[in-house]
Amino acid sequence: MNPTQALGLTAYLAAALVCARAWRRSSAAPGLWLSLAALCLLLTLDVAFDLRFWLKDWLVEEARALGGYAGRRTIQPILLAALAGLALLAAWAVARSLRRGGGGAAGAIGALGAAAALTLVGTEIVSLHAVDAVLYRPVGPVGLIGLLWYACAGVVGLSALAARR
């Protein structure tokens, strides 16, 4: 395991544990904290076993089999824009629902962190080479993607800590 993976794995695992604790202790939106704990655990497994790359490879093979792989450069930017739009829409919907249902700011911020994490996974699966070159650029001993994983997990984890109170 390289330092980038170690950073992401540790960050997502810590966020999963803090969210699980918030689920057990918080009366505000317990279902959200359980969902975020499960998502962070899934992201931990993704970082550990590169599940997103397995999915990407499968999609590439399917596109080749259907004869659509050569046109990927046309669709990749559209997919990235759609992914960003869906992430914003999902974050807005969750934040609105939490505001109405009593989940509070901590839940909304946690949902935003989760949306950002899922957007990163989707971005890696779409794999536009210009974007990949930025995400995998080294920043000290880790790739930028590791720092982004850390930031997303940190937002989720810190929001769970705030919700426990």
Protein backbone atom coordinates (compact mmCIF):
# COMPACT_ATOMS: atom_id res chain seq x y z
CA MET A 1 0.00 0.00 0.00
CA ASN A 2 1.40 3.38 -0.97
CA PRO A 3 1.23 6.54 1.20
CA THR A 4 -1.68 7.97 -0.80
CA GLN A 5 -3.77 4.85 -0.22
CA ALA A 6 -2.75 4.72 3.44
CA LEU A 7 -3.92 8.31 3.93
CA GLY A 8 -7.25 7.72 2.22
CA LEU A 9 -7.89 4.41 3.94
CA THR A 10 -7.11 5.83 7.38
CA ALA A 11 -9.20 8.96 6.81
CA TYR A 12 -12.28 7.12 5.54
CA LEU A 13 -12.04 4.45 8.25
CA ALA A 14 -11.82 7.11 10.96
CA ALA A 15 -14.81 8.93 9.46
CA ALA A 16 -16.78 5.66 9.36
CA LEU A 17 -16.08 5.03 13.04
CA VAL A 18 -17.03 8.57 14.09
CA CYS A 19 -20.23 8.40 12.02
CA ALA A 20 -21.12 5.06 13.61
CA ARG A 21 -20.64 6.61 17.01
CA ALA A 22 -22.80 9.60 16.03
CA TRP A 23 -25.47 7.16 14.85
CA ARG A 24 -25.52 5.55 18.28
CA ARG A 25 -25.43 8.80 20.27
CA SER A 26 -27.23 11.43 18.22
CA SER A 27 -30.95 11.90 18.30
CA ALA A 28 -30.78 14.12 15.21
CA ALA A 29 -30.99 12.18 11.92
CA PRO A 30 -29.62 8.81 13.11
CA GLY A 31 -30.35 7.29 9.70
CA LEU A 32 -28.06 9.83 8.05
CA TRP A 33 -25.15 8.96 10.34
CA LEU A 34 -25.64 5.24 9.75
CA SER A 35 -25.71 5.86 5.99
CA LEU A 36 -22.57 8.00 6.18
CA ALA A 37 -20.82 5.36 8.27
CA ALA A 38 -21.68 2.70 5.68
CA LEU A 39 -20.57 4.97 2.83
CA CYS A 40 -17.25 5.76 4.52
CA LEU A 41 -16.69 2.05 5.13
CA LEU A 42 -17.38 1.37 1.46
CA LEU A 43 -14.95 4.15 0.51
CA THR A 44 -12.35 2.57 2.82
CA LEU A 45 -12.74 -0.70 0.92
CA ASP A 46 -12.59 1.18 -2.38
CA VAL A 47 -9.27 2.79 -1.47
CA ALA A 48 -7.86 -0.47 -0.11
CA PHE A 49 -8.85 -2.62 -3.09
CA ASP A 50 -9.14 -0.05 -5.92
CA LEU A 51 -12.77 -0.99 -6.53
CA ARG A 52 -13.36 2.15 -8.60
CA PHE A 53 -10.70 1.00 -11.08
CA TRP A 54 -12.33 -2.42 -11.39
CA LEU A 55 -15.58 -0.64 -12.25
CA LYS A 56 -13.79 1.67 -14.69
CA ASP A 57 -12.09 -1.28 -16.40
CA TRP A 58 -15.41 -3.10 -16.72
CA LEU A 59 -17.04 0.01 -18.23
CA VAL A 60 -14.16 0.37 -20.70
CA GLU A 61 -14.55 -3.26 -21.77
CA GLU A 62 -18.29 -2.81 -22.21
CA ALA A 63 -17.75 0.37 -24.25
CA ARG A 64 -15.25 -1.46 -26.45
CA ALA A 65 -17.64 -4.35 -26.95
CA LEU A 66 -20.38 -1.91 -27.99
CA GLY A 67 -18.01 0.02 -30.24
CA GLY A 68 -18.31 3.24 -28.24
CA TYR A 69 -14.88 3.47 -26.65
CA ALA A 70 -13.34 5.54 -29.46
CA GLY A 71 -15.86 8.32 -28.80
CA ARG A 72 -15.14 8.55 -25.10
CA ARG A 73 -13.38 11.94 -25.32
CA THR A 74 -16.64 13.52 -26.41
CA ILE A 75 -18.70 12.07 -23.59
CA GLN A 76 -16.22 12.28 -20.69
CA PRO A 77 -16.54 16.08 -20.14
CA ILE A 78 -20.32 15.76 -20.36
CA LEU A 79 -20.26 12.96 -17.77
CA LEU A 80 -18.06 15.04 -15.45
CA ALA A 81 -20.39 18.04 -15.74
CA ALA A 82 -23.40 15.80 -15.10
CA LEU A 83 -21.64 14.23 -12.13
CA ALA A 84 -20.92 17.65 -10.62
CA GLY A 85 -24.50 18.73 -11.21
CA LEU A 86 -25.88 15.58 -9.61
CA ALA A 87 -23.59 16.00 -6.61
CA LEU A 88 -24.78 19.57 -6.09
CA LEU A 89 -28.41 18.58 -6.53
CA ALA A 90 -28.07 15.67 -4.10
CA ALA A 91 -26.29 17.83 -1.53
CA TRP A 92 -28.98 20.49 -1.83
CA ALA A 93 -31.78 17.93 -1.48
CA VAL A 94 -30.19 16.30 1.57
CA ALA A 95 -29.47 19.66 3.21
CA ARG A 96 -33.05 20.78 2.61
CA SER A 97 -34.43 17.53 3.98
CA LEU A 98 -32.23 17.73 7.06
CA ARG A 99 -33.23 21.32 7.71
CA ARG A 100 -36.87 20.28 7.67
CA GLY A 101 -36.34 17.02 9.55
CA GLY A 102 -34.12 18.33 12.34
CA GLY A 103 -30.77 16.96 11.14
CA GLY A 104 -29.20 20.38 11.55
CA ALA A 105 -26.12 21.97 10.09
CA ALA A 106 -23.85 19.09 11.08
CA GLY A 107 -25.88 16.64 9.03
CA ALA A 108 -25.99 18.98 6.05
CA ILE A 109 -22.22 19.50 6.17
CA GLY A 110 -21.65 15.76 6.48
CA ALA A 111 -23.86 15.18 3.44
CA LEU A 112 -21.84 17.75 1.49
CA GLY A 113 -18.62 15.93 2.40
CA ALA A 114 -20.15 12.65 1.27
CA ALA A 115 -21.32 14.19 -2.01
CA ALA A 116 -17.80 15.50 -2.61
CA ALA A 117 -16.33 12.05 -1.90
CA LEU A 118 -18.73 10.36 -4.31
CA THR A 119 -17.92 12.99 -6.92
CA LEU A 120 -14.24 12.13 -6.57
CA VAL A 121 -14.98 8.45 -7.09
CA GLY A 122 -17.09 9.24 -10.13
CA THR A 123 -14.39 11.53 -11.51
CA GLU A 124 -11.84 8.75 -11.23
CA ILE A 125 -14.19 6.31 -12.96
CA VAL A 126 -14.85 8.72 -15.85
CA SER A 127 -11.07 9.10 -16.09
CA LEU A 128 -10.59 12.14 -18.30
CA HIS A 129 -6.81 12.15 -18.74
CA ALA A 130 -6.38 15.90 -18.14
CA VAL A 131 -8.24 15.61 -14.84
CA ASP A 132 -6.40 12.42 -13.88
CA ALA A 133 -3.08 14.23 -14.40
CA VAL A 134 -4.12 16.75 -11.74
CA LEU A 135 -5.63 14.25 -9.29
CA TYR A 136 -2.58 11.98 -9.31
CA ARG A 137 0.00 14.75 -9.18
CA PRO A 138 2.32 14.33 -6.17
CA VAL A 139 1.99 16.76 -3.30
CA GLY A 140 4.82 15.87 -0.99
CA PRO A 141 4.75 12.14 -0.24
CA VAL A 142 1.14 11.62 -1.42
CA GLY A 143 -0.91 12.24 -4.53
CA LEU A 144 -3.38 15.12 -4.56
CA ILE A 145 -6.22 12.57 -4.62
CA GLY A 146 -5.12 11.36 -1.17
CA LEU A 147 -5.38 14.88 0.22
CA LEU A 148 -8.82 15.25 -1.35
CA TRP A 149 -9.93 11.94 0.18
CA TYR A 150 -8.59 13.19 3.53
CA ALA A 151 -10.50 16.47 3.17
CA CYS A 152 -13.79 14.74 2.28
CA ALA A 153 -13.44 12.24 5.11
CA GLY A 154 -12.49 15.08 7.45
CA VAL A 155 -15.62 17.05 6.61
CA VAL A 156 -17.80 13.99 7.20
CA GLY A 157 -15.99 12.98 10.37
CA LEU A 158 -15.93 16.45 11.91
CA SER A 159 -19.62 16.93 11.16
CA ALA A 160 -20.32 13.62 12.93
CA LEU A 161 -18.32 14.81 15.93
CA ALA A 162 -20.42 17.98 16.02
CA ALA A 163 -23.65 15.96 15.81
CA ARG A 164 -22.78 13.78 18.77
CA ARG A 165 -23.09 16.69 21.17
